[in-house]
Amino acid sequence: MSRLIDISTTLRVGVASDPPMMLPEIAYSGHAQGALEMAAMFAGLSPADLPDGEGWAVERVRITGTDAWSWDAPFPYTARRFAETKDVSLLWEGHKAGRARGYCHLEKLGNLEALPSTGFTVSCFPVKIERASAGWTRAVAILD
């Protein structure tokens, strides 16, 4: 029987991002608010008519496709080096590696300490976003 180990980090407000302007934003709307929205949508419905007076709950998420915690140097370091040298080749060094030879670029992995040094397969299920420049994935390690 195979065992799965989740190696994705949890998307949360305030998770480390580089540059900081790319912090994820999550707006939460609870079940009580959802009940009010449902009552407004369905004529004659009262929140009290719903089980436990609760409607839907919604999370509205705004994230970027990358965070540069990878092969690329942190943005503040790269910005300083670029300011000194004006060397454009410093920008996105890791992301450019796939131009010469394709590779799979994964960021924001976690729980890696739970993995053995060998003997596992990684499966990544990307979120399909039309016209996206990048996308986040749910990554799991599969151990036999």
Protein backbone atom coordinates (compact mmCIF):
# COMPACT_ATOMS: atom_id res chain seq x y z
CA MET A 1 0.00 0.00 0.00
CA SER A 2 1.33 3.45 -0.90
CA ARG A 3 1.58 6.30 1.59
CA LEU A 4 1.10 9.96 0.66
CA ILE A 5 3.03 12.81 2.26
CA ASP A 6 1.71 16.32 1.64
CA ILE A 7 4.69 18.51 0.72
CA SER A 8 2.70 21.65 -0.10
CA THR A 9 2.76 24.61 2.25
CA THR A 10 -0.55 25.92 3.49
CA LEU A 11 -1.74 29.04 1.72
CA ARG A 12 -2.37 31.59 4.45
CA VAL A 13 -2.33 35.32 5.00
CA GLY A 14 1.16 36.51 5.87
CA VAL A 15 3.04 33.51 4.44
CA ALA A 16 6.60 34.55 3.55
CA SER A 17 6.78 36.03 0.07
CA ASP A 18 9.56 37.65 -1.85
CA PRO A 19 9.05 40.44 -2.73
CA PRO A 20 6.66 41.28 0.13
CA MET A 21 4.23 43.00 -2.27
CA MET A 22 3.32 39.49 -3.46
CA LEU A 23 1.83 38.40 -0.13
CA PRO A 24 -1.31 36.31 -0.58
CA GLU A 25 -4.60 37.90 0.37
CA ILE A 26 -7.52 35.84 1.64
CA ALA A 27 -10.89 37.38 2.45
CA TYR A 28 -13.09 35.10 4.52
CA SER A 29 -16.88 35.26 4.49
CA GLY A 30 -18.45 33.07 7.18
CA HIS A 31 -21.61 30.99 7.27
CA ALA A 32 -23.67 33.75 8.93
CA GLN A 33 -22.82 36.15 6.10
CA GLY A 34 -23.57 33.39 3.60
CA ALA A 35 -27.02 32.95 5.14
CA LEU A 36 -27.74 36.66 4.58
CA GLU A 37 -26.53 36.41 0.98
CA MET A 38 -28.71 33.36 0.36
CA ALA A 39 -31.74 35.09 1.89
CA ALA A 40 -31.18 38.01 -0.49
CA MET A 41 -30.93 35.61 -3.44
CA PHE A 42 -33.98 33.45 -2.69
CA ALA A 43 -37.17 35.48 -2.21
CA GLY A 44 -38.95 34.55 0.99
CA LEU A 45 -35.97 32.73 2.53
CA SER A 46 -34.87 33.70 6.02
CA PRO A 47 -31.51 32.72 7.54
CA ALA A 48 -33.55 30.96 10.22
CA ASP A 49 -34.88 28.60 7.52
CA LEU A 50 -31.38 27.23 6.89
CA PRO A 51 -29.83 24.41 8.95
CA ASP A 52 -28.38 26.06 12.06
CA GLY A 53 -29.09 29.42 10.38
CA GLU A 54 -25.98 29.00 8.27
CA GLY A 55 -25.41 29.52 4.56
CA TRP A 56 -22.33 29.07 2.42
CA ALA A 57 -18.88 30.18 3.49
CA VAL A 58 -16.51 31.65 0.92
CA GLU A 59 -12.79 32.33 0.69
CA ARG A 60 -11.70 34.86 -1.90
CA VAL A 61 -8.03 34.35 -2.68
CA ARG A 62 -5.56 36.63 -4.45
CA ILE A 63 -2.13 35.11 -5.03
CA THR A 64 0.77 35.30 -7.45
CA GLY A 65 2.24 32.35 -9.34
CA THR A 66 5.73 32.69 -7.91
CA ASP A 67 7.53 33.78 -4.79
CA ALA A 68 11.22 33.40 -5.75
CA TRP A 69 12.11 31.17 -2.80
CA SER A 70 13.89 28.92 -5.24
CA TRP A 71 16.96 29.03 -7.43
CA ASP A 72 16.61 32.77 -7.70
CA ALA A 73 18.35 34.98 -5.18
CA PRO A 74 16.00 36.94 -2.88
CA PHE A 75 14.65 40.08 -4.55
CA PRO A 76 16.30 42.62 -2.17
CA TYR A 77 19.71 41.03 -2.80
CA THR A 78 19.13 40.93 -6.57
CA ALA A 79 17.91 44.55 -6.55
CA ARG A 80 21.09 45.70 -4.77
CA ARG A 81 23.33 43.75 -7.17
CA PHE A 82 21.43 45.07 -10.18
CA ALA A 83 21.64 48.67 -8.89
CA GLU A 84 25.41 48.27 -8.61
CA THR A 85 26.04 46.48 -11.91
CA LYS A 86 23.00 47.09 -14.18
CA ASP A 87 23.54 43.44 -15.23
CA VAL A 88 20.15 42.24 -16.52
CA SER A 89 21.31 38.60 -16.44
CA LEU A 90 20.94 38.70 -12.64
CA LEU A 91 17.16 38.91 -12.92
CA TRP A 92 15.26 35.63 -12.64
CA GLU A 93 18.40 33.51 -12.99
CA GLY A 94 16.72 30.31 -11.82
CA HIS A 95 13.60 30.84 -13.87
CA LYS A 96 15.69 31.18 -17.04
CA ALA A 97 17.39 27.81 -16.51
CA GLY A 98 14.57 25.99 -18.28
CA ARG A 99 15.18 27.79 -21.55
CA ALA A 100 18.20 25.65 -22.39
CA ARG A 101 16.90 22.41 -20.86
CA GLY A 102 13.37 21.90 -19.58
CA TYR A 103 12.81 21.22 -15.92
CA CYS A 104 9.98 21.36 -13.39
CA HIS A 105 10.20 24.44 -11.18
CA LEU A 106 8.45 24.03 -7.81
CA GLU A 107 8.30 26.57 -5.01
CA LYS A 108 6.88 26.78 -1.49
CA LEU A 109 7.30 23.12 -0.63
CA GLY A 110 7.10 22.07 3.00
CA ASN A 111 7.23 19.03 5.25
CA LEU A 112 10.31 17.84 3.36
CA GLU A 113 11.82 16.50 6.58
CA ALA A 114 9.17 13.74 6.45
CA LEU A 115 10.67 12.36 3.23
CA PRO A 116 13.28 9.60 3.07
CA SER A 117 16.47 10.40 1.16
CA THR A 118 15.35 8.12 -1.73
CA GLY A 119 12.48 5.89 -2.77
CA PHE A 120 9.57 8.19 -3.43
CA THR A 121 7.74 9.77 -6.37
CA VAL A 122 6.50 13.37 -6.39
CA SER A 123 3.16 14.16 -8.02
CA CYS A 124 2.09 17.73 -8.60
CA PHE A 125 -1.41 18.71 -9.54
CA PRO A 126 -1.36 22.23 -10.99
CA VAL A 127 -4.34 24.52 -10.70
CA LYS A 128 -5.46 25.17 -14.25
CA ILE A 129 -5.75 28.89 -14.88
CA GLU A 130 -6.40 30.12 -18.39
CA ARG A 131 -3.59 32.33 -19.75
CA ALA A 132 -1.62 32.05 -16.48
CA SER A 133 2.08 32.85 -16.44
CA ALA A 134 2.56 30.30 -13.69
CA GLY A 135 0.41 28.40 -11.27
CA TRP A 136 0.45 26.84 -7.88
CA THR A 137 0.27 23.11 -7.34
CA ARG A 138 -0.73 20.65 -4.68
CA ALA A 139 2.40 18.52 -4.37
CA VAL A 140 2.51 15.13 -2.68
CA ALA A 141 5.21 12.53 -2.29
CA ILE A 142 4.17 8.92 -2.84
CA LEU A 143 6.04 6.23 -0.93
CA ASP A 144 5.60 2.57 -1.83
